[in-house]
Amino acid sequence: MPEQEEFIRFVIPAIKAEYLDENKNFISDIYEEIKELDDIWSEEIPDGNYVRVTFEQELDNAKDIRIYPHIISGNPRIEVYEKDEIPKEKVGKKKGY
């Protein structure tokens, strides 16, 4: 039986989260609502608005990045950007991104 790779699972915590309007103007600080996976959710983020999250470490495509949205209605779209850049990845509607 071939040796199995061992994976170490760790969380890179968010240290800041901002809700921004369609022009990327600050609306509110939502860090307290998103800092833990605890069934406490931020206010609804309408289509065309943004959430900017800053993490304790830089993220890259070598890490398993999971997003847990609370879908209220419609078909939300999640796009991952570097600050002030074009989308790096588009993710469809699934549970436990």
C-alpha atoms as a PDB file:
ATOM      1  CA  MET A   1       0.000   0.000   0.000  1.00  0.00           C
ATOM      2  CA  PRO A   2       1.567   3.334  -1.036  1.00  0.00           C
ATOM      3  CA  GLU A   3       2.265   5.848   1.674  1.00  0.00           C
ATOM      4  CA  GLN A   4      -0.467   8.412   2.082  1.00  0.00           C
ATOM      5  CA  GLU A   5       0.432  12.056   2.126  1.00  0.00           C
ATOM      6  CA  GLU A   6      -0.194  13.692   5.463  1.00  0.00           C
ATOM      7  CA  PHE A   7      -2.030  16.964   5.403  1.00  0.00           C
ATOM      8  CA  ILE A   8      -1.895  19.457   8.198  1.00  0.00           C
ATOM      9  CA  ARG A   9      -5.124  21.411   8.485  1.00  0.00           C
ATOM     10  CA  PHE A  10      -4.960  24.891   9.902  1.00  0.00           C
ATOM     11  CA  VAL A  11      -7.009  28.022   9.625  1.00  0.00           C
ATOM     12  CA  ILE A  12      -5.646  31.345   8.430  1.00  0.00           C
ATOM     13  CA  PRO A  13      -7.842  33.734  10.400  1.00  0.00           C
ATOM     14  CA  ALA A  14      -9.511  36.792   8.962  1.00  0.00           C
ATOM     15  CA  ILE A  15      -8.355  39.903  10.809  1.00  0.00           C
ATOM     16  CA  LYS A  16     -10.588  42.482   9.097  1.00  0.00           C
ATOM     17  CA  ALA A  17     -13.817  42.409   7.059  1.00  0.00           C
ATOM     18  CA  GLU A  18     -15.520  45.355   5.398  1.00  0.00           C
ATOM     19  CA  TYR A  19     -18.818  45.585   3.559  1.00  0.00           C
ATOM     20  CA  LEU A  20     -18.401  47.909   0.538  1.00  0.00           C
ATOM     21  CA  ASP A  21     -20.920  49.377  -1.896  1.00  0.00           C
ATOM     22  CA  GLU A  22     -20.812  48.997  -5.695  1.00  0.00           C
ATOM     23  CA  ASN A  23     -18.146  51.732  -5.879  1.00  0.00           C
ATOM     24  CA  LYS A  24     -16.102  50.032  -3.145  1.00  0.00           C
ATOM     25  CA  ASN A  25     -16.957  52.724  -0.605  1.00  0.00           C
ATOM     26  CA  PHE A  26     -17.010  51.563   3.020  1.00  0.00           C
ATOM     27  CA  ILE A  27     -20.477  50.804   4.444  1.00  0.00           C
ATOM     28  CA  SER A  28     -19.770  48.840   7.614  1.00  0.00           C
ATOM     29  CA  ASP A  29     -17.318  46.718   9.559  1.00  0.00           C
ATOM     30  CA  ILE A  30     -18.606  43.121   9.491  1.00  0.00           C
ATOM     31  CA  TYR A  31     -15.597  41.424  11.112  1.00  0.00           C
ATOM     32  CA  GLU A  32     -17.420  40.458  14.321  1.00  0.00           C
ATOM     33  CA  GLU A  33     -20.090  38.661  12.269  1.00  0.00           C
ATOM     34  CA  ILE A  34     -17.687  36.720  10.008  1.00  0.00           C
ATOM     35  CA  LYS A  35     -14.756  35.918  12.287  1.00  0.00           C
ATOM     36  CA  GLU A  36     -16.119  32.475  13.265  1.00  0.00           C
ATOM     37  CA  LEU A  37     -18.287  29.796  11.700  1.00  0.00           C
ATOM     38  CA  ASP A  38     -20.950  30.137  14.396  1.00  0.00           C
ATOM     39  CA  ASP A  39     -24.283  30.721  12.622  1.00  0.00           C
ATOM     40  CA  ILE A  40     -23.970  34.491  13.116  1.00  0.00           C
ATOM     41  CA  TRP A  41     -24.150  36.209   9.732  1.00  0.00           C
ATOM     42  CA  SER A  42     -23.419  39.691   8.438  1.00  0.00           C
ATOM     43  CA  GLU A  43     -26.116  41.896   7.034  1.00  0.00           C
ATOM     44  CA  GLU A  44     -27.269  40.943   3.530  1.00  0.00           C
ATOM     45  CA  ILE A  45     -24.775  41.908   0.806  1.00  0.00           C
ATOM     46  CA  PRO A  46     -26.764  42.867  -2.313  1.00  0.00           C
ATOM     47  CA  ASP A  47     -25.738  41.998  -5.856  1.00  0.00           C
ATOM     48  CA  GLY A  48     -23.027  44.368  -7.072  1.00  0.00           C
ATOM     49  CA  ASN A  49     -21.665  45.102  -3.586  1.00  0.00           C
ATOM     50  CA  TYR A  50     -18.456  43.714  -2.092  1.00  0.00           C
ATOM     51  CA  VAL A  51     -16.933  42.245   1.023  1.00  0.00           C
ATOM     52  CA  ARG A  52     -13.214  42.904   1.520  1.00  0.00           C
ATOM     53  CA  VAL A  53     -11.550  40.474   3.919  1.00  0.00           C
ATOM     54  CA  THR A  54      -7.967  40.754   5.144  1.00  0.00           C
ATOM     55  CA  PHE A  55      -6.292  37.597   6.429  1.00  0.00           C
ATOM     56  CA  GLU A  56      -3.489  37.074   8.906  1.00  0.00           C
ATOM     57  CA  GLN A  57      -1.354  35.554   6.128  1.00  0.00           C
ATOM     58  CA  GLU A  58      -1.309  36.031   2.376  1.00  0.00           C
ATOM     59  CA  LEU A  59      -3.532  33.529   0.570  1.00  0.00           C
ATOM     60  CA  ASP A  60      -2.534  31.750  -2.631  1.00  0.00           C
ATOM     61  CA  ASN A  61      -3.748  28.927  -4.859  1.00  0.00           C
ATOM     62  CA  ALA A  62      -1.762  26.335  -2.874  1.00  0.00           C
ATOM     63  CA  LYS A  63      -4.137  26.704   0.060  1.00  0.00           C
ATOM     64  CA  ASP A  64      -7.639  25.239   0.417  1.00  0.00           C
ATOM     65  CA  ILE A  65      -9.745  28.391   0.644  1.00  0.00           C
ATOM     66  CA  ARG A  66     -13.298  27.755   1.863  1.00  0.00           C
ATOM     67  CA  ILE A  67     -16.105  30.280   1.896  1.00  0.00           C
ATOM     68  CA  TYR A  68     -19.366  29.658   3.776  1.00  0.00           C
ATOM     69  CA  PRO A  69     -22.070  31.998   2.438  1.00  0.00           C
ATOM     70  CA  HIS A  70     -25.551  32.229   3.907  1.00  0.00           C
ATOM     71  CA  ILE A  71     -27.699  32.174   0.765  1.00  0.00           C
ATOM     72  CA  ILE A  72     -30.960  34.024   1.326  1.00  0.00           C
ATOM     73  CA  SER A  73     -32.284  34.078  -2.243  1.00  0.00           C
ATOM     74  CA  GLY A  74     -31.295  34.097  -5.881  1.00  0.00           C
ATOM     75  CA  ASN A  75     -28.089  32.749  -7.353  1.00  0.00           C
ATOM     76  CA  PRO A  76     -25.247  34.564  -5.641  1.00  0.00           C
ATOM     77  CA  ARG A  77     -21.852  34.769  -7.320  1.00  0.00           C
ATOM     78  CA  ILE A  78     -18.558  34.791  -5.489  1.00  0.00           C
ATOM     79  CA  GLU A  79     -15.518  36.301  -7.171  1.00  0.00           C
ATOM     80  CA  VAL A  80     -12.120  36.319  -5.497  1.00  0.00           C
ATOM     81  CA  TYR A  81      -9.994  39.420  -6.114  1.00  0.00           C
ATOM     82  CA  GLU A  82      -6.721  40.799  -4.968  1.00  0.00           C
ATOM     83  CA  LYS A  83      -7.337  44.322  -3.735  1.00  0.00           C
ATOM     84  CA  ASP A  84      -8.114  46.615  -6.705  1.00  0.00           C
ATOM     85  CA  GLU A  85      -7.565  43.808  -9.244  1.00  0.00           C
ATOM     86  CA  ILE A  86      -9.696  41.755 -11.645  1.00  0.00           C
ATOM     87  CA  PRO A  87     -11.176  38.421 -10.478  1.00  0.00           C
ATOM     88  CA  LYS A  88      -8.711  35.589  -9.845  1.00  0.00           C
ATOM     89  CA  GLU A  89     -11.315  32.850  -9.591  1.00  0.00           C
ATOM     90  CA  LYS A  90     -15.052  32.546 -10.033  1.00  0.00           C
ATOM     91  CA  VAL A  91     -16.943  30.077  -7.900  1.00  0.00           C
ATOM     92  CA  GLY A  92     -20.424  28.774  -8.644  1.00  0.00           C
ATOM     93  CA  LYS A  93     -23.260  28.184  -6.163  1.00  0.00           C
ATOM     94  CA  LYS A  94     -22.344  25.230  -3.933  1.00  0.00           C
ATOM     95  CA  LYS A  95     -22.466  24.479  -0.252  1.00  0.00           C
ATOM     96  CA  GLY A  96     -19.103  24.731   1.544  1.00  0.00           C
ATOM     97  CA  TYR A  97     -16.927  26.355  -1.092  1.00  0.00           C
END
